[in-house]
PDB file of N, CA and C in Angstrom:
ATOM      1  N   MET A   1     118.218  99.664  78.691  1.00  0.00           N
ATOM      2  CA  MET A   1     117.016  99.163  78.641  1.00  0.00           C
ATOM      3  C   MET A   1     116.635  98.771  80.177  1.00  0.00           C
ATOM      4  N   GLN A   2     117.618  98.396  80.913  1.00  0.00           N
ATOM      5  CA  GLN A   2     117.467  98.085  82.261  1.00  0.00           C
ATOM      6  C   GLN A   2     116.954  99.292  82.939  1.00  0.00           C
ATOM      7  N   GLU A   3     117.404 100.401  82.654  1.00  0.00           N
ATOM      8  CA  GLU A   3     116.951 101.641  83.244  1.00  0.00           C
ATOM      9  C   GLU A   3     115.612 101.948  83.149  1.00  0.00           C
ATOM     10  N   PHE A   4     114.997 101.560  81.993  1.00  0.00           N
ATOM     11  CA  PHE A   4     113.661 101.624  81.671  1.00  0.00           C
ATOM     12  C   PHE A   4     112.731 100.573  82.351  1.00  0.00           C
ATOM     13  N   ARG A   5     113.331  99.262  82.547  1.00  0.00           N
ATOM     14  CA  ARG A   5     112.602  98.248  83.312  1.00  0.00           C
ATOM     15  C   ARG A   5     112.509  98.510  84.797  1.00  0.00           C
ATOM     16  N   GLU A   6     113.617  99.235  85.549  1.00  0.00           N
ATOM     17  CA  GLU A   6     113.655  99.722  86.729  1.00  0.00           C
ATOM     18  C   GLU A   6     112.726 100.788  87.054  1.00  0.00           C
ATOM     19  N   LEU A   7     112.515 101.716  85.913  1.00  0.00           N
ATOM     20  CA  LEU A   7     111.693 102.901  86.099  1.00  0.00           C
ATOM     21  C   LEU A   7     110.169 102.238  86.143  1.00  0.00           C
ATOM     22  N   LEU A   8     109.967 101.371  85.185  1.00  0.00           N
ATOM     23  CA  LEU A   8     108.584 100.950  85.117  1.00  0.00           C
ATOM     24  C   LEU A   8     108.115 100.177  86.446  1.00  0.00           C
ATOM     25  N   SER A   9     109.208  99.401  86.852  1.00  0.00           N
ATOM     26  CA  SER A   9     109.057  98.590  88.096  1.00  0.00           C
ATOM     27  C   SER A   9     108.665  99.464  89.297  1.00  0.00           C
ATOM     28  N   GLY A  10     109.386 100.513  89.393  1.00  0.00           N
ATOM     29  CA  GLY A  10     109.169 101.532  90.603  1.00  0.00           C
ATOM     30  C   GLY A  10     107.874 102.104  90.558  1.00  0.00           C
ATOM     31  N   ILE A  11     107.688 102.450  89.670  1.00  0.00           N
ATOM     32  CA  ILE A  11     106.198 103.368  89.635  1.00  0.00           C
ATOM     33  C   ILE A  11     105.086 102.185  89.693  1.00  0.00           C
ATOM     34  N   SER A  12     105.389 101.038  89.190  1.00  0.00           N
ATOM     35  CA  SER A  12     104.122 100.088  89.167  1.00  0.00           C
ATOM     36  C   SER A  12     104.158  99.621  90.595  1.00  0.00           C
ATOM     37  N   ASP A  13     105.222  99.261  91.420  1.00  0.00           N
ATOM     38  CA  ASP A  13     105.088  99.031  92.915  1.00  0.00           C
ATOM     39  C   ASP A  13     104.480 100.285  93.695  1.00  0.00           C
ATOM     40  N   ALA A  14     104.833 101.287  93.363  1.00  0.00           N
ATOM     41  CA  ALA A  14     104.066 102.450  94.124  1.00  0.00           C
ATOM     42  C   ALA A  14     102.395 102.324  93.709  1.00  0.00           C
ATOM     43  N   TYR A  15     102.298 102.353  92.402  1.00  0.00           N
ATOM     44  CA  TYR A  15     100.866 102.325  92.067  1.00  0.00           C
ATOM     45  C   TYR A  15     100.165 101.168  92.804  1.00  0.00           C
ATOM     46  N   SER A  16     100.664 100.021  92.866  1.00  0.00           N
ATOM     47  CA  SER A  16     100.074  98.857  93.637  1.00  0.00           C
ATOM     48  C   SER A  16      99.715  99.096  95.064  1.00  0.00           C
ATOM     49  N   ALA A  17     100.858  99.762  95.665  1.00  0.00           N
ATOM     50  CA  ALA A  17     100.706 100.158  97.053  1.00  0.00           C
ATOM     51  C   ALA A  17      99.762 101.110  97.212  1.00  0.00           C
ATOM     52  N   LEU A  18      99.598 102.096  96.451  1.00  0.00           N
ATOM     53  CA  LEU A  18      98.759 103.191  96.798  1.00  0.00           C
ATOM     54  C   LEU A  18      97.197 102.759  96.548  1.00  0.00           C
ATOM     55  N   LEU A  19      96.959 101.525  95.786  1.00  0.00           N
ATOM     56  CA  LEU A  19      95.721 100.977  95.557  1.00  0.00           C
ATOM     57  C   LEU A  19      94.954 100.431  96.720  1.00  0.00           C
ATOM     58  N   ILE A  20      95.933 100.198  97.731  1.00  0.00           N
ATOM     59  CA  ILE A  20      95.137  99.477  98.930  1.00  0.00           C
ATOM     60  C   ILE A  20      94.488 100.481  99.719  1.00  0.00           C
ATOM     61  N   MET A  21      94.747 101.904  99.486  1.00  0.00           N
ATOM     62  CA  MET A  21      93.827 102.824 100.137  1.00  0.00           C
ATOM     63  C   MET A  21      92.482 102.954  99.819  1.00  0.00           C
ATOM     64  N   GLN A  22      91.579 103.005 100.764  1.00  0.00           N
ATOM     65  CA  GLN A  22      90.249 102.812 100.410  1.00  0.00           C
ATOM     66  C   GLN A  22      89.504 103.982 101.252  1.00  0.00           C
ATOM     67  N   PRO A  23      88.360 104.520 100.781  1.00  0.00           N
ATOM     68  CA  PRO A  23      87.692 105.736 101.580  1.00  0.00           C
ATOM     69  C   PRO A  23      87.369 104.936 102.810  1.00  0.00           C
ATOM     70  N   HIS A  24      87.605 105.780 104.013  1.00  0.00           N
ATOM     71  CA  HIS A  24      87.217 105.712 105.375  1.00  0.00           C
ATOM     72  C   HIS A  24      87.612 104.295 105.967  1.00  0.00           C
ATOM     73  N   VAL A  25      88.805 103.793 105.420  1.00  0.00           N
ATOM     74  CA  VAL A  25      89.421 102.444 106.012  1.00  0.00           C
ATOM     75  C   VAL A  25      90.854 102.869 106.283  1.00  0.00           C
ATOM     76  N   PRO A  26      91.018 102.820 107.692  1.00  0.00           N
ATOM     77  CA  PRO A  26      92.443 103.389 108.034  1.00  0.00           C
ATOM     78  C   PRO A  26      93.320 102.269 107.662  1.00  0.00           C
ATOM     79  N   LEU A  27      94.553 102.523 107.344  1.00  0.00           N
ATOM     80  CA  LEU A  27      95.662 101.610 107.132  1.00  0.00           C
ATOM     81  C   LEU A  27      96.133 100.955 108.377  1.00  0.00           C
ATOM     82  N   ASP A  28      96.592  99.732 108.598  1.00  0.00           N
ATOM     83  CA  ASP A  28      97.356  99.202 109.443  1.00  0.00           C
ATOM     84  C   ASP A  28      98.875  99.658 109.475  1.00  0.00           C
ATOM     85  N   ASP A  29      99.520  99.440 110.512  1.00  0.00           N
ATOM     86  CA  ASP A  29     101.095  99.892 110.370  1.00  0.00           C
ATOM     87  C   ASP A  29     101.854  99.244 109.151  1.00  0.00           C
ATOM     88  N   ASN A  30     101.536  98.124 109.061  1.00  0.00           N
ATOM     89  CA  ASN A  30     102.258  97.323 108.020  1.00  0.00           C
ATOM     90  C   ASN A  30     101.898  97.899 106.470  1.00  0.00           C
ATOM     91  N   ASP A  31     100.651  98.178 106.455  1.00  0.00           N
ATOM     92  CA  ASP A  31     100.310  98.981 104.989  1.00  0.00           C
ATOM     93  C   ASP A  31     100.575 100.374 104.900  1.00  0.00           C
ATOM     94  N   GLN A  32     100.863 100.786 105.953  1.00  0.00           N
ATOM     95  CA  GLN A  32     101.259 102.313 105.988  1.00  0.00           C
ATOM     96  C   GLN A  32     102.773 102.414 105.748  1.00  0.00           C
ATOM     97  N   MET A  33     103.491 101.448 106.145  1.00  0.00           N
ATOM     98  CA  MET A  33     104.886 101.363 105.868  1.00  0.00           C
ATOM     99  C   MET A  33     105.186 101.169 104.546  1.00  0.00           C
ATOM    100  N   ARG A  34     104.460  99.955 104.060  1.00  0.00           N
ATOM    101  CA  ARG A  34     104.511  99.539 102.685  1.00  0.00           C
ATOM    102  C   ARG A  34     104.379 100.695 101.756  1.00  0.00           C
ATOM    103  N   LEU A  35     103.299 101.497 102.149  1.00  0.00           N
ATOM    104  CA  LEU A  35     102.880 102.739 101.271  1.00  0.00           C
ATOM    105  C   LEU A  35     104.000 103.668 101.184  1.00  0.00           C
ATOM    106  N   ILE A  36     104.621 104.064 102.464  1.00  0.00           N
ATOM    107  CA  ILE A  36     105.418 105.095 102.304  1.00  0.00           C
ATOM    108  C   ILE A  36     106.806 104.535 101.825  1.00  0.00           C
ATOM    109  N   GLU A  37     107.248 103.417 101.933  1.00  0.00           N
ATOM    110  CA  GLU A  37     108.352 102.880 101.122  1.00  0.00           C
ATOM    111  C   GLU A  37     108.300 102.671  99.726  1.00  0.00           C
ATOM    112  N   ALA A  38     107.076 102.334  99.125  1.00  0.00           N
ATOM    113  CA  ALA A  38     106.906 102.408  97.726  1.00  0.00           C
ATOM    114  C   ALA A  38     106.678 103.519  97.013  1.00  0.00           C
ATOM    115  N   LYS A  39     106.298 104.635  97.859  1.00  0.00           N
ATOM    116  CA  LYS A  39     106.216 106.128  97.226  1.00  0.00           C
ATOM    117  C   LYS A  39     107.785 106.373  97.234  1.00  0.00           C
ATOM    118  N   ALA A  40     108.479 106.409  98.220  1.00  0.00           N
ATOM    119  CA  ALA A  40     109.787 106.943  98.466  1.00  0.00           C
ATOM    120  C   ALA A  40     110.698 106.287  97.318  1.00  0.00           C
ATOM    121  N   ASN A  41     110.595 104.721  97.344  1.00  0.00           N
ATOM    122  CA  ASN A  41     111.295 104.256  96.124  1.00  0.00           C
ATOM    123  C   ASN A  41     111.085 104.460  94.889  1.00  0.00           C
ATOM    124  N   SER A  42     109.642 104.939  94.481  1.00  0.00           N
ATOM    125  CA  SER A  42     109.413 105.175  92.840  1.00  0.00           C
ATOM    126  C   SER A  42     109.993 106.496  92.708  1.00  0.00           C
ATOM    127  N   VAL A  43     109.934 107.331  93.567  1.00  0.00           N
ATOM    128  CA  VAL A  43     110.478 108.715  93.421  1.00  0.00           C
ATOM    129  C   VAL A  43     112.150 108.473  93.277  1.00  0.00           C
ATOM    130  N   ARG A  44     112.761 107.967  94.187  1.00  0.00           N
ATOM    131  CA  ARG A  44     114.133 107.526  94.213  1.00  0.00           C
ATOM    132  C   ARG A  44     114.455 107.168  92.632  1.00  0.00           C
ATOM    133  N   ILE A  45     113.898 106.012  92.247  1.00  0.00           N
ATOM    134  CA  ILE A  45     114.069 105.291  91.096  1.00  0.00           C
ATOM    135  C   ILE A  45     113.794 106.151  89.674  1.00  0.00           C
ATOM    136  N   ILE A  46     112.975 107.044  89.831  1.00  0.00           N
ATOM    137  CA  ILE A  46     112.681 108.044  88.738  1.00  0.00           C
ATOM    138  C   ILE A  46     113.723 109.055  88.683  1.00  0.00           C
ATOM    139  N   ARG A  47     114.161 109.423  89.849  1.00  0.00           N
ATOM    140  CA  ARG A  47     115.264 110.384  89.813  1.00  0.00           C
ATOM    141  C   ARG A  47     116.588 110.006  89.606  1.00  0.00           C
ATOM    142  N   ASP A  48     116.902 108.582  89.991  1.00  0.00           N
ATOM    143  CA  ASP A  48     118.148 107.858  89.571  1.00  0.00           C
ATOM    144  C   ASP A  48     118.364 107.445  88.194  1.00  0.00           C
ATOM    145  N   ARG A  49     117.252 106.805  87.779  1.00  0.00           N
ATOM    146  CA  ARG A  49     117.330 106.044  86.492  1.00  0.00           C
ATOM    147  C   ARG A  49     117.148 107.224  85.324  1.00  0.00           C
ATOM    148  N   ILE A  50     116.242 107.998  85.676  1.00  0.00           N
ATOM    149  CA  ILE A  50     115.776 108.959  84.424  1.00  0.00           C
ATOM    150  C   ILE A  50     117.016 109.678  83.995  1.00  0.00           C
ATOM    151  N   PHE A  51     117.975 109.973  84.508  1.00  0.00           N
ATOM    152  CA  PHE A  51     119.196 110.642  84.241  1.00  0.00           C
ATOM    153  C   PHE A  51     119.895 109.836  83.111  1.00  0.00           C
ATOM    154  N   VAL A  52     119.809 108.526  83.189  1.00  0.00           N
ATOM    155  CA  VAL A  52     120.456 107.644  82.256  1.00  0.00           C
ATOM    156  C   VAL A  52     119.859 107.495  81.056  1.00  0.00           C
ATOM    157  N   ALA A  53     118.466 107.507  81.019  1.00  0.00           N
ATOM    158  CA  ALA A  53     117.349 107.425  80.052  1.00  0.00           C
ATOM    159  C   ALA A  53     117.244 108.899  79.405  1.00  0.00           C
ATOM    160  N   LYS A  54     118.274 109.306  78.692  1.00  0.00           N
ATOM    161  CA  LYS A  54     118.296 110.655  78.104  1.00  0.00           C
ATOM    162  C   LYS A  54     116.867 111.174  77.581  1.00  0.00           C
ATOM    163  N   ASP A  55     116.059 110.306  77.166  1.00  0.00           N
ATOM    164  CA  ASP A  55     114.906 110.825  76.367  1.00  0.00           C
ATOM    165  C   ASP A  55     113.747 111.282  77.235  1.00  0.00           C
ATOM    166  N   ILE A  56     114.042 110.844  78.671  1.00  0.00           N
ATOM    167  CA  ILE A  56     112.975 111.171  79.442  1.00  0.00           C
ATOM    168  C   ILE A  56     113.364 112.432  80.275  1.00  0.00           C
ATOM    169  N   GLU A  57     112.437 113.501  80.292  1.00  0.00           N
ATOM    170  CA  GLU A  57     112.648 114.627  81.154  1.00  0.00           C
ATOM    171  C   GLU A  57     112.346 114.451  82.455  1.00  0.00           C
ATOM    172  N   PRO A  58     113.473 114.451  83.300  1.00  0.00           N
ATOM    173  CA  PRO A  58     113.381 114.012  84.774  1.00  0.00           C
ATOM    174  C   PRO A  58     112.357 114.656  85.707  1.00  0.00           C
ATOM    175  N   GLY A  59     112.538 116.058  85.602  1.00  0.00           N
ATOM    176  CA  GLY A  59     111.549 116.890  86.289  1.00  0.00           C
ATOM    177  C   GLY A  59     110.177 116.675  85.807  1.00  0.00           C
ATOM    178  N   GLU A  60     109.874 116.691  84.635  1.00  0.00           N
ATOM    179  CA  GLU A  60     108.312 116.520  84.420  1.00  0.00           C
ATOM    180  C   GLU A  60     107.938 115.066  84.639  1.00  0.00           C
ATOM    181  N   THR A  61     108.497 114.019  84.455  1.00  0.00           N
ATOM    182  CA  THR A  61     108.026 112.840  84.722  1.00  0.00           C
ATOM    183  C   THR A  61     107.868 112.732  86.371  1.00  0.00           C
ATOM    184  N   SER A  62     108.864 113.186  87.020  1.00  0.00           N
ATOM    185  CA  SER A  62     108.738 112.963  88.512  1.00  0.00           C
ATOM    186  C   SER A  62     107.663 113.889  89.020  1.00  0.00           C
ATOM    187  N   ASN A  63     107.462 115.240  88.602  1.00  0.00           N
ATOM    188  CA  ASN A  63     106.407 115.943  89.129  1.00  0.00           C
ATOM    189  C   ASN A  63     105.147 115.236  88.600  1.00  0.00           C
ATOM    190  N   ARG A  64     104.979 114.872  87.587  1.00  0.00           N
ATOM    191  CA  ARG A  64     103.662 114.098  87.043  1.00  0.00           C
ATOM    192  C   ARG A  64     103.326 113.023  88.121  1.00  0.00           C
ATOM    193  N   TRP A  65     104.379 112.146  88.260  1.00  0.00           N
ATOM    194  CA  TRP A  65     104.211 111.013  89.204  1.00  0.00           C
ATOM    195  C   TRP A  65     103.956 111.662  90.695  1.00  0.00           C
ATOM    196  N   LEU A  66     104.684 112.510  91.081  1.00  0.00           N
ATOM    197  CA  LEU A  66     104.463 113.063  92.497  1.00  0.00           C
ATOM    198  C   LEU A  66     102.910 113.569  92.810  1.00  0.00           C
ATOM    199  N   PHE A  67     102.637 114.343  91.600  1.00  0.00           N
ATOM    200  CA  PHE A  67     101.327 115.032  91.568  1.00  0.00           C
ATOM    201  C   PHE A  67     100.327 113.877  91.649  1.00  0.00           C
ATOM    202  N   ALA A  68     100.275 112.850  90.708  1.00  0.00           N
ATOM    203  CA  ALA A  68      99.283 111.637  90.524  1.00  0.00           C
ATOM    204  C   ALA A  68      99.250 111.074  92.095  1.00  0.00           C
ATOM    205  N   MET A  69     100.475 110.843  92.777  1.00  0.00           N
ATOM    206  CA  MET A  69     100.188 110.281  93.987  1.00  0.00           C
ATOM    207  C   MET A  69      99.447 110.900  94.907  1.00  0.00           C
ATOM    208  N   HIS A  70      99.920 112.229  95.110  1.00  0.00           N
ATOM    209  CA  HIS A  70      99.443 113.063  95.992  1.00  0.00           C
ATOM    210  C   HIS A  70      97.805 113.302  95.748  1.00  0.00           C
ATOM    211  N   ARG A  71      97.485 113.468  94.580  1.00  0.00           N
ATOM    212  CA  ARG A  71      96.004 113.721  94.143  1.00  0.00           C
ATOM    213  C   ARG A  71      95.321 112.375  94.403  1.00  0.00           C
ATOM    214  N   TYR A  72      95.990 111.284  94.260  1.00  0.00           N
ATOM    215  CA  TYR A  72      95.190 110.075  94.699  1.00  0.00           C
ATOM    216  C   TYR A  72      94.943 109.849  96.182  1.00  0.00           C
ATOM    217  N   GLU A  73      95.946 110.217  96.868  1.00  0.00           N
ATOM    218  CA  GLU A  73      95.770 110.122  98.427  1.00  0.00           C
ATOM    219  C   GLU A  73      94.692 111.082  98.900  1.00  0.00           C
ATOM    220  N   LYS A  74      94.651 112.180  98.143  1.00  0.00           N
ATOM    221  CA  LYS A  74      93.592 113.020  98.581  1.00  0.00           C
ATOM    222  C   LYS A  74      92.086 112.853  98.201  1.00  0.00           C
ATOM    223  N   THR A  75      92.003 112.307  96.931  1.00  0.00           N
ATOM    224  CA  THR A  75      90.753 112.131  96.280  1.00  0.00           C
ATOM    225  C   THR A  75      90.269 110.583  96.333  1.00  0.00           C
ATOM    226  N   LEU A  76      91.235 109.806  96.421  1.00  0.00           N
ATOM    227  CA  LEU A  76      90.980 108.215  96.148  1.00  0.00           C
ATOM    228  C   LEU A  76      90.249 107.981  95.046  1.00  0.00           C
ATOM    229  N   ASN A  77      90.455 108.737  94.083  1.00  0.00           N
ATOM    230  CA  ASN A  77      89.899 108.541  92.633  1.00  0.00           C
ATOM    231  C   ASN A  77      90.760 107.503  91.876  1.00  0.00           C
ATOM    232  N   ALA A  78      90.535 106.297  91.921  1.00  0.00           N
ATOM    233  CA  ALA A  78      91.348 105.361  91.461  1.00  0.00           C
ATOM    234  C   ALA A  78      91.360 105.375  89.806  1.00  0.00           C
ATOM    235  N   GLN A  79      90.244 105.748  89.189  1.00  0.00           N
ATOM    236  CA  GLN A  79      90.304 106.009  87.592  1.00  0.00           C
ATOM    237  C   GLN A  79      91.264 107.037  87.299  1.00  0.00           C
ATOM    238  N   ASP A  80      91.254 108.274  87.925  1.00  0.00           N
ATOM    239  CA  ASP A  80      92.339 109.313  87.628  1.00  0.00           C
ATOM    240  C   ASP A  80      93.565 108.807  87.694  1.00  0.00           C
ATOM    241  N   PHE A  81      93.861 108.209  88.983  1.00  0.00           N
ATOM    242  CA  PHE A  81      95.205 107.597  89.269  1.00  0.00           C
ATOM    243  C   PHE A  81      95.656 106.528  88.278  1.00  0.00           C
ATOM    244  N   HIS A  82      94.681 105.671  87.809  1.00  0.00           N
ATOM    245  CA  HIS A  82      95.153 104.551  86.676  1.00  0.00           C
ATOM    246  C   HIS A  82      95.347 105.346  85.438  1.00  0.00           C
ATOM    247  N   ASP A  83      94.499 106.320  85.207  1.00  0.00           N
ATOM    248  CA  ASP A  83      94.757 107.005  83.768  1.00  0.00           C
ATOM    249  C   ASP A  83      96.182 107.523  83.681  1.00  0.00           C
ATOM    250  N   GLU A  84      96.617 108.383  84.779  1.00  0.00           N
ATOM    251  CA  GLU A  84      97.911 108.997  84.771  1.00  0.00           C
ATOM    252  C   GLU A  84      98.973 108.025  84.926  1.00  0.00           C
ATOM    253  N   TYR A  85      98.789 107.106  85.756  1.00  0.00           N
ATOM    254  CA  TYR A  85      99.891 105.828  85.820  1.00  0.00           C
ATOM    255  C   TYR A  85      99.803 105.404  84.124  1.00  0.00           C
ATOM    256  N   GLY A  86      99.013 105.209  83.702  1.00  0.00           N
ATOM    257  CA  GLY A  86      99.050 104.405  82.342  1.00  0.00           C
ATOM    258  C   GLY A  86      99.610 105.488  81.370  1.00  0.00           C
ATOM    259  N   ALA A  87      99.141 106.716  81.382  1.00  0.00           N
ATOM    260  CA  ALA A  87      99.928 107.631  80.637  1.00  0.00           C
ATOM    261  C   ALA A  87     101.541 107.634  80.777  1.00  0.00           C
ATOM    262  N   ILE A  88     101.849 107.731  82.016  1.00  0.00           N
ATOM    263  CA  ILE A  88     103.279 107.818  82.343  1.00  0.00           C
ATOM    264  C   ILE A  88     104.197 106.512  81.803  1.00  0.00           C
ATOM    265  N   ARG A  89     103.501 105.597  82.142  1.00  0.00           N
ATOM    266  CA  ARG A  89     103.900 103.984  81.828  1.00  0.00           C
ATOM    267  C   ARG A  89     104.083 104.032  80.267  1.00  0.00           C
ATOM    268  N   ASP A  90     103.162 104.216  79.618  1.00  0.00           N
ATOM    269  CA  ASP A  90     103.031 104.244  78.062  1.00  0.00           C
ATOM    270  C   ASP A  90     104.277 105.177  77.512  1.00  0.00           C
ATOM    271  N   GLU A  91     104.382 106.484  78.160  1.00  0.00           N
ATOM    272  CA  GLU A  91     105.390 107.235  77.741  1.00  0.00           C
ATOM    273  C   GLU A  91     106.770 106.545  77.828  1.00  0.00           C
ATOM    274  N   ILE A  92     106.915 105.944  78.859  1.00  0.00           N
ATOM    275  CA  ILE A  92     108.340 105.534  79.407  1.00  0.00           C
ATOM    276  C   ILE A  92     108.552 104.225  78.300  1.00  0.00           C
ATOM    277  N   ILE A  93     107.573 103.497  78.041  1.00  0.00           N
ATOM    278  CA  ILE A  93     107.644 102.241  77.158  1.00  0.00           C
ATOM    279  C   ILE A  93     107.899 102.958  75.649  1.00  0.00           C
ATOM    280  N   GLN A  94     107.192 103.981  75.183  1.00  0.00           N
ATOM    281  CA  GLN A  94     107.485 104.425  73.725  1.00  0.00           C
ATOM    282  C   GLN A  94     108.906 104.937  73.752  1.00  0.00           C
ATOM    283  N   LYS A  95     109.574 105.591  74.842  1.00  0.00           N
ATOM    284  CA  LYS A  95     110.697 106.144  74.699  1.00  0.00           C
ATOM    285  C   LYS A  95     111.645 104.874  74.770  1.00  0.00           C
ATOM    286  N   ALA A  96     111.351 103.979  75.419  1.00  0.00           N
ATOM    287  CA  ALA A  96     112.421 102.764  75.621  1.00  0.00           C
ATOM    288  C   ALA A  96     112.510 102.128  74.112  1.00  0.00           C
ATOM    289  N   ILE A  97     111.399 102.133  73.463  1.00  0.00           N
ATOM    290  CA  ILE A  97     111.385 101.663  72.245  1.00  0.00           C
ATOM    291  C   ILE A  97     112.060 102.325  71.378  1.00  0.00           C
ATOM    292  N   ARG A  98     112.078 103.519  71.328  1.00  0.00           N
ATOM    293  CA  ARG A  98     112.748 104.432  70.400  1.00  0.00           C
ATOM    294  C   ARG A  98     114.291 104.430  70.939  1.00  0.00           C
ATOM    295  N   CYS A  99     114.710 104.014  71.989  1.00  0.00           N
ATOM    296  CA  CYS A  99     116.108 103.933  72.378  1.00  0.00           C
ATOM    297  C   CYS A  99     116.619 102.469  71.993  1.00  0.00           C
ATOM    298  N   ALA A 100     115.831 101.644  71.559  1.00  0.00           N
ATOM    299  CA  ALA A 100     116.178 100.220  71.357  1.00  0.00           C
ATOM    300  C   ALA A 100     117.124 100.256  70.082  1.00  0.00           C
ATOM    301  N   PRO A 101     118.187  99.551  70.056  1.00  0.00           N
ATOM    302  CA  PRO A 101     119.079  99.406  69.083  1.00  0.00           C
ATOM    303  C   PRO A 101     118.253  98.718  67.917  1.00  0.00           C
ATOM    304  N   ARG A 102     118.472  99.135  66.625  1.00  0.00           N
ATOM    305  CA  ARG A 102     117.738  98.641  65.389  1.00  0.00           C
ATOM    306  C   ARG A 102     118.570  97.604  64.499  1.00  0.00           C
ATOM    307  N   SER A 103     119.844  98.096  64.224  1.00  0.00           N
ATOM    308  CA  SER A 103     120.588  97.270  63.422  1.00  0.00           C
ATOM    309  C   SER A 103     121.432  96.094  64.263  1.00  0.00           C
ATOM    310  N   THR A 104     121.769  94.978  63.525  1.00  0.00           N
ATOM    311  CA  THR A 104     122.443  93.996  64.327  1.00  0.00           C
ATOM    312  C   THR A 104     123.607  94.488  65.167  1.00  0.00           C
ATOM    313  N   VAL A 105     124.458  95.300  64.466  1.00  0.00           N
ATOM    314  CA  VAL A 105     125.447  95.788  64.933  1.00  0.00           C
ATOM    315  C   VAL A 105     125.339  96.745  66.412  1.00  0.00           C
ATOM    316  N   GLN A 106     124.153  97.414  66.233  1.00  0.00           N
ATOM    317  CA  GLN A 106     123.730  98.172  67.287  1.00  0.00           C
ATOM    318  C   GLN A 106     123.352  97.288  68.405  1.00  0.00           C
ATOM    319  N   ARG A 107     122.466  96.203  68.194  1.00  0.00           N
ATOM    320  CA  ARG A 107     122.071  95.252  69.284  1.00  0.00           C
ATOM    321  C   ARG A 107     123.305  94.700  69.838  1.00  0.00           C
ATOM    322  N   LEU A 108     124.106  94.199  69.115  1.00  0.00           N
ATOM    323  CA  LEU A 108     125.500  93.594  69.679  1.00  0.00           C
ATOM    324  C   LEU A 108     126.120  94.574  70.587  1.00  0.00           C
ATOM    325  N   MET A 109     126.292  95.697  70.219  1.00  0.00           N
ATOM    326  CA  MET A 109     127.118  96.634  70.924  1.00  0.00           C
ATOM    327  C   MET A 109     126.141  97.134  72.352  1.00  0.00           C
ATOM    328  N   PHE A 110     124.803  97.154  71.926  1.00  0.00           N
ATOM    329  CA  PHE A 110     123.970  97.483  73.119  1.00  0.00           C
ATOM    330  C   PHE A 110     123.957  96.373  74.210  1.00  0.00           C
ATOM    331  N   TRP A 111     123.992  95.127  74.091  1.00  0.00           N
ATOM    332  CA  TRP A 111     123.901  94.125  74.875  1.00  0.00           C
ATOM    333  C   TRP A 111     125.264  93.819  75.279  1.00  0.00           C
ATOM    334  N   LYS A 112     126.214  94.109  74.704  1.00  0.00           N
ATOM    335  CA  LYS A 112     127.569  94.060  75.269  1.00  0.00           C
ATOM    336  C   LYS A 112     127.845  94.645  76.506  1.00  0.00           C
ATOM    337  N   ASP A 113     127.343  96.011  76.679  1.00  0.00           N
ATOM    338  CA  ASP A 113     127.402  96.617  78.048  1.00  0.00           C
ATOM    339  C   ASP A 113     126.454  95.847  79.107  1.00  0.00           C
TER     340      ASP A 113
END
């Protein structure tokens, strides 16, 4: 479950950082650096954590997220970016729910690690 939390946190951080971009408003150096770091971190987390979460296809999710970020940077269409972020987030949450242990014994074994 920790992998799912880190995965959601990584894409959420990048999502928030990208939303500072506005049409015809240049980013200052601090915002530009924050944006670069958040994007790189989100991709790293997807690639690192996704292999632990066996139910998520690493290439597909990574490519969808990279494409969503790239498209937003080009178009600044916040609604499209929000929709794709929401779809990826919801997919990760649903897969995390399916991976959650169901029985008492499963939960004890799961949290023991």
